[in-house]
């Protein structure tokens, strides 16, 4: 498994006890739960301003979000048996994740875990925005993986 982590914007690691090591651990455990042992993932840790630009340019939503995923290939359904595949890129705003944790009275580390699981599921073909049924399917898979990690 290959995990590349980059930083963009005005944010540094560690950030409120989240380090590169934590992020890699969460990704490895998520990929193991999905049987993606030889997957490659790129994670860009960023601030709200940087992710707002990504969200505006690619999703036409001019506001910060917590996580955005860009698959490295095209799948119509999730394929959990792939080997040596570049899954894609996850852009993760730790600033927005902290805001979310505070707003919903969640633990920040747990919020980051959930966002990583959510991002990786998007990379493997899950899409909660397509339909209510797809949303339920993705939320159930998130819960299943979070219990394992």
C-alpha atoms as a PDB file:
ATOM      1  CA  UNK A   1       0.000   0.000   0.000  1.00  0.00           C
ATOM      2  CA  UNK A   2       1.245   3.451  -0.881  1.00  0.00           C
ATOM      3  CA  UNK A   3      -0.092   6.545   0.861  1.00  0.00           C
ATOM      4  CA  UNK A   4       1.099  10.009  -0.116  1.00  0.00           C
ATOM      5  CA  UNK A   5       0.216  12.936   2.123  1.00  0.00           C
ATOM      6  CA  UNK A   6       0.587  16.562   1.060  1.00  0.00           C
ATOM      7  CA  UNK A   7      -0.306  19.838   2.716  1.00  0.00           C
ATOM      8  CA  UNK A   8      -1.909  22.886   1.114  1.00  0.00           C
ATOM      9  CA  UNK A   9      -2.967  26.189   2.603  1.00  0.00           C
ATOM     10  CA  UNK A  10      -2.380  27.539   6.075  1.00  0.00           C
ATOM     11  CA  UNK A  11      -2.444  24.320   8.063  1.00  0.00           C
ATOM     12  CA  UNK A  12       0.290  22.307   9.723  1.00  0.00           C
ATOM     13  CA  UNK A  13       0.578  18.766  10.999  1.00  0.00           C
ATOM     14  CA  UNK A  14       0.195  17.740  13.688  1.00  0.00           C
ATOM     15  CA  UNK A  15      -3.133  19.536  13.975  1.00  0.00           C
ATOM     16  CA  UNK A  16      -5.049  19.050  17.243  1.00  0.00           C
ATOM     17  CA  UNK A  17      -3.416  15.641  17.802  1.00  0.00           C
ATOM     18  CA  UNK A  18      -3.846  14.486  14.189  1.00  0.00           C
ATOM     19  CA  UNK A  19      -0.513  13.633  12.593  1.00  0.00           C
ATOM     20  CA  UNK A  20       0.621  12.134   9.281  1.00  0.00           C
ATOM     21  CA  UNK A  21       1.031   8.861  11.166  1.00  0.00           C
ATOM     22  CA  UNK A  22      -2.616   8.947  12.360  1.00  0.00           C
ATOM     23  CA  UNK A  23      -3.865   9.672   8.853  1.00  0.00           C
ATOM     24  CA  UNK A  24      -1.838   6.827   7.352  1.00  0.00           C
ATOM     25  CA  UNK A  25      -3.077   4.457  10.068  1.00  0.00           C
ATOM     26  CA  UNK A  26      -6.727   5.382   9.412  1.00  0.00           C
ATOM     27  CA  UNK A  27      -6.258   4.910   5.659  1.00  0.00           C
ATOM     28  CA  UNK A  28      -4.510   1.548   6.070  1.00  0.00           C
ATOM     29  CA  UNK A  29      -7.234   0.242   8.382  1.00  0.00           C
ATOM     30  CA  UNK A  30      -9.995   1.478   6.072  1.00  0.00           C
ATOM     31  CA  UNK A  31      -8.370  -0.091   3.027  1.00  0.00           C
ATOM     32  CA  UNK A  32      -7.796  -3.346   4.922  1.00  0.00           C
ATOM     33  CA  UNK A  33     -11.504  -3.416   5.845  1.00  0.00           C
ATOM     34  CA  UNK A  34     -12.286  -3.075   2.125  1.00  0.00           C
ATOM     35  CA  UNK A  35      -9.666  -5.682   1.140  1.00  0.00           C
ATOM     36  CA  UNK A  36      -7.631  -3.046  -0.722  1.00  0.00           C
ATOM     37  CA  UNK A  37      -4.214  -4.266   0.355  1.00  0.00           C
ATOM     38  CA  UNK A  38      -2.225  -2.858  -2.563  1.00  0.00           C
ATOM     39  CA  UNK A  39      -4.119   0.346  -3.155  1.00  0.00           C
ATOM     40  CA  UNK A  40      -2.475   3.732  -3.611  1.00  0.00           C
ATOM     41  CA  UNK A  41      -4.073   6.843  -2.128  1.00  0.00           C
ATOM     42  CA  UNK A  42      -3.093  10.506  -2.151  1.00  0.00           C
ATOM     43  CA  UNK A  43      -4.333  12.731   0.671  1.00  0.00           C
ATOM     44  CA  UNK A  44      -4.114  16.503   0.570  1.00  0.00           C
ATOM     45  CA  UNK A  45      -4.520  18.024   4.017  1.00  0.00           C
ATOM     46  CA  UNK A  46      -5.723  21.593   3.672  1.00  0.00           C
ATOM     47  CA  UNK A  47      -7.497  24.539   5.233  1.00  0.00           C
ATOM     48  CA  UNK A  48     -10.986  25.897   4.518  1.00  0.00           C
ATOM     49  CA  UNK A  49      -9.807  28.450   1.970  1.00  0.00           C
ATOM     50  CA  UNK A  50      -8.026  25.835  -0.145  1.00  0.00           C
ATOM     51  CA  UNK A  51     -10.883  23.324  -0.102  1.00  0.00           C
ATOM     52  CA  UNK A  52     -13.384  26.103  -0.843  1.00  0.00           C
ATOM     53  CA  UNK A  53     -11.480  26.767  -4.087  1.00  0.00           C
ATOM     54  CA  UNK A  54     -11.534  23.059  -4.986  1.00  0.00           C
ATOM     55  CA  UNK A  55     -15.247  22.850  -4.134  1.00  0.00           C
ATOM     56  CA  UNK A  56     -15.976  25.965  -6.223  1.00  0.00           C
ATOM     57  CA  UNK A  57     -13.935  24.863  -9.237  1.00  0.00           C
ATOM     58  CA  UNK A  58     -15.046  21.221  -9.390  1.00  0.00           C
ATOM     59  CA  UNK A  59     -18.449  21.107  -7.690  1.00  0.00           C
ATOM     60  CA  UNK A  60     -19.669  24.673  -8.367  1.00  0.00           C
ATOM     61  CA  UNK A  61     -20.216  25.216  -4.619  1.00  0.00           C
ATOM     62  CA  UNK A  62     -18.411  28.318  -3.377  1.00  0.00           C
ATOM     63  CA  UNK A  63     -18.066  27.272   0.252  1.00  0.00           C
ATOM     64  CA  UNK A  64     -15.684  25.134   2.283  1.00  0.00           C
ATOM     65  CA  UNK A  65     -16.500  21.481   2.790  1.00  0.00           C
ATOM     66  CA  UNK A  66     -14.834  18.811   4.890  1.00  0.00           C
ATOM     67  CA  UNK A  67     -13.748  16.255   2.296  1.00  0.00           C
ATOM     68  CA  UNK A  68     -13.701  15.913  -1.496  1.00  0.00           C
ATOM     69  CA  UNK A  69     -12.594  12.792  -3.366  1.00  0.00           C
ATOM     70  CA  UNK A  70     -11.361  12.404  -6.926  1.00  0.00           C
ATOM     71  CA  UNK A  71     -11.258   8.772  -8.056  1.00  0.00           C
ATOM     72  CA  UNK A  72      -8.247   7.733 -10.073  1.00  0.00           C
ATOM     73  CA  UNK A  73     -10.385   5.565 -12.366  1.00  0.00           C
ATOM     74  CA  UNK A  74     -14.024   5.102 -13.296  1.00  0.00           C
ATOM     75  CA  UNK A  75     -16.194   2.496 -11.569  1.00  0.00           C
ATOM     76  CA  UNK A  76     -19.904   1.976 -11.930  1.00  0.00           C
ATOM     77  CA  UNK A  77     -20.082  -0.129  -8.760  1.00  0.00           C
ATOM     78  CA  UNK A  78     -17.635  -0.636  -5.907  1.00  0.00           C
ATOM     79  CA  UNK A  79     -14.978  -3.263  -6.649  1.00  0.00           C
ATOM     80  CA  UNK A  80     -13.388  -4.423  -3.429  1.00  0.00           C
ATOM     81  CA  UNK A  81     -11.104  -7.012  -5.031  1.00  0.00           C
ATOM     82  CA  UNK A  82      -8.887  -4.625  -7.002  1.00  0.00           C
ATOM     83  CA  UNK A  83      -5.139  -4.962  -6.521  1.00  0.00           C
ATOM     84  CA  UNK A  84      -2.322  -2.442  -7.126  1.00  0.00           C
ATOM     85  CA  UNK A  85      -4.754   0.274  -8.130  1.00  0.00           C
ATOM     86  CA  UNK A  86      -4.435   4.018  -7.754  1.00  0.00           C
ATOM     87  CA  UNK A  87      -7.648   4.859  -5.919  1.00  0.00           C
ATOM     88  CA  UNK A  88      -7.315   8.619  -6.285  1.00  0.00           C
ATOM     89  CA  UNK A  89      -7.058  11.773  -4.208  1.00  0.00           C
ATOM     90  CA  UNK A  90      -8.780  12.854  -1.026  1.00  0.00           C
ATOM     91  CA  UNK A  91      -8.789  16.537  -0.080  1.00  0.00           C
ATOM     92  CA  UNK A  92      -9.406  16.877   3.645  1.00  0.00           C
ATOM     93  CA  UNK A  93      -9.916  20.193   5.413  1.00  0.00           C
ATOM     94  CA  UNK A  94      -8.822  19.632   8.983  1.00  0.00           C
ATOM     95  CA  UNK A  95     -10.062  23.125   9.748  1.00  0.00           C
ATOM     96  CA  UNK A  96     -13.607  22.192   8.619  1.00  0.00           C
ATOM     97  CA  UNK A  97     -13.359  18.814  10.376  1.00  0.00           C
ATOM     98  CA  UNK A  98     -12.596  20.638  13.631  1.00  0.00           C
ATOM     99  CA  UNK A  99     -15.541  23.000  13.062  1.00  0.00           C
ATOM    100  CA  UNK A 100     -17.816  19.997  12.437  1.00  0.00           C
ATOM    101  CA  UNK A 101     -16.593  18.205  15.558  1.00  0.00           C
ATOM    102  CA  UNK A 102     -17.267  21.287  17.667  1.00  0.00           C
ATOM    103  CA  UNK A 103     -20.666  21.943  16.061  1.00  0.00           C
ATOM    104  CA  UNK A 104     -21.897  18.368  16.509  1.00  0.00           C
ATOM    105  CA  UNK A 105     -20.090  17.765  19.817  1.00  0.00           C
ATOM    106  CA  UNK A 106     -17.990  14.963  18.299  1.00  0.00           C
ATOM    107  CA  UNK A 107     -14.466  13.879  19.082  1.00  0.00           C
ATOM    108  CA  UNK A 108     -12.106  15.466  16.527  1.00  0.00           C
ATOM    109  CA  UNK A 109     -10.128  12.255  15.931  1.00  0.00           C
ATOM    110  CA  UNK A 110     -13.356  10.325  15.309  1.00  0.00           C
ATOM    111  CA  UNK A 111     -14.488  13.042  12.882  1.00  0.00           C
ATOM    112  CA  UNK A 112     -11.238  12.683  10.914  1.00  0.00           C
ATOM    113  CA  UNK A 113     -11.603   8.875  10.864  1.00  0.00           C
ATOM    114  CA  UNK A 114     -15.132   9.209   9.505  1.00  0.00           C
ATOM    115  CA  UNK A 115     -14.029  11.676   6.821  1.00  0.00           C
ATOM    116  CA  UNK A 116     -11.236   9.358   5.697  1.00  0.00           C
ATOM    117  CA  UNK A 117     -13.634   6.402   5.516  1.00  0.00           C
ATOM    118  CA  UNK A 118     -16.129   8.590   3.650  1.00  0.00           C
ATOM    119  CA  UNK A 119     -13.471   9.784   1.203  1.00  0.00           C
ATOM    120  CA  UNK A 120     -12.151   6.290   0.496  1.00  0.00           C
ATOM    121  CA  UNK A 121     -15.664   4.948  -0.065  1.00  0.00           C
ATOM    122  CA  UNK A 122     -16.139   7.678  -2.681  1.00  0.00           C
ATOM    123  CA  UNK A 123     -12.877   6.540  -4.302  1.00  0.00           C
ATOM    124  CA  UNK A 124     -14.215   2.987  -4.515  1.00  0.00           C
ATOM    125  CA  UNK A 125     -17.462   3.978  -6.203  1.00  0.00           C
ATOM    126  CA  UNK A 126     -19.877   4.765  -3.402  1.00  0.00           C
ATOM    127  CA  UNK A 127     -21.882   7.951  -3.942  1.00  0.00           C
ATOM    128  CA  UNK A 128     -24.438   9.132  -1.383  1.00  0.00           C
ATOM    129  CA  UNK A 129     -25.573  11.977  -3.659  1.00  0.00           C
ATOM    130  CA  UNK A 130     -27.014   9.777  -6.430  1.00  0.00           C
ATOM    131  CA  UNK A 131     -30.106   8.545  -4.607  1.00  0.00           C
ATOM    132  CA  UNK A 132     -31.584   7.907  -1.172  1.00  0.00           C
ATOM    133  CA  UNK A 133     -30.843   4.208  -1.632  1.00  0.00           C
ATOM    134  CA  UNK A 134     -27.185   4.925  -2.427  1.00  0.00           C
ATOM    135  CA  UNK A 135     -27.014   7.249   0.580  1.00  0.00           C
ATOM    136  CA  UNK A 136     -28.293   4.489   2.889  1.00  0.00           C
ATOM    137  CA  UNK A 137     -25.895   1.953   1.361  1.00  0.00           C
ATOM    138  CA  UNK A 138     -22.913   4.269   1.863  1.00  0.00           C
ATOM    139  CA  UNK A 139     -23.875   5.227   5.440  1.00  0.00           C
ATOM    140  CA  UNK A 140     -24.221   1.539   6.373  1.00  0.00           C
ATOM    141  CA  UNK A 141     -20.801   0.781   4.897  1.00  0.00           C
ATOM    142  CA  UNK A 142     -19.288   3.724   6.806  1.00  0.00           C
ATOM    143  CA  UNK A 143     -20.704   2.406  10.091  1.00  0.00           C
ATOM    144  CA  UNK A 144     -19.435  -1.100   9.323  1.00  0.00           C
ATOM    145  CA  UNK A 145     -15.889   0.115   8.619  1.00  0.00           C
ATOM    146  CA  UNK A 146     -15.796   2.527  11.572  1.00  0.00           C
ATOM    147  CA  UNK A 147     -16.598  -0.378  13.899  1.00  0.00           C
ATOM    148  CA  UNK A 148     -13.571  -2.231  12.476  1.00  0.00           C
ATOM    149  CA  UNK A 149     -11.133   0.642  12.793  1.00  0.00           C
END
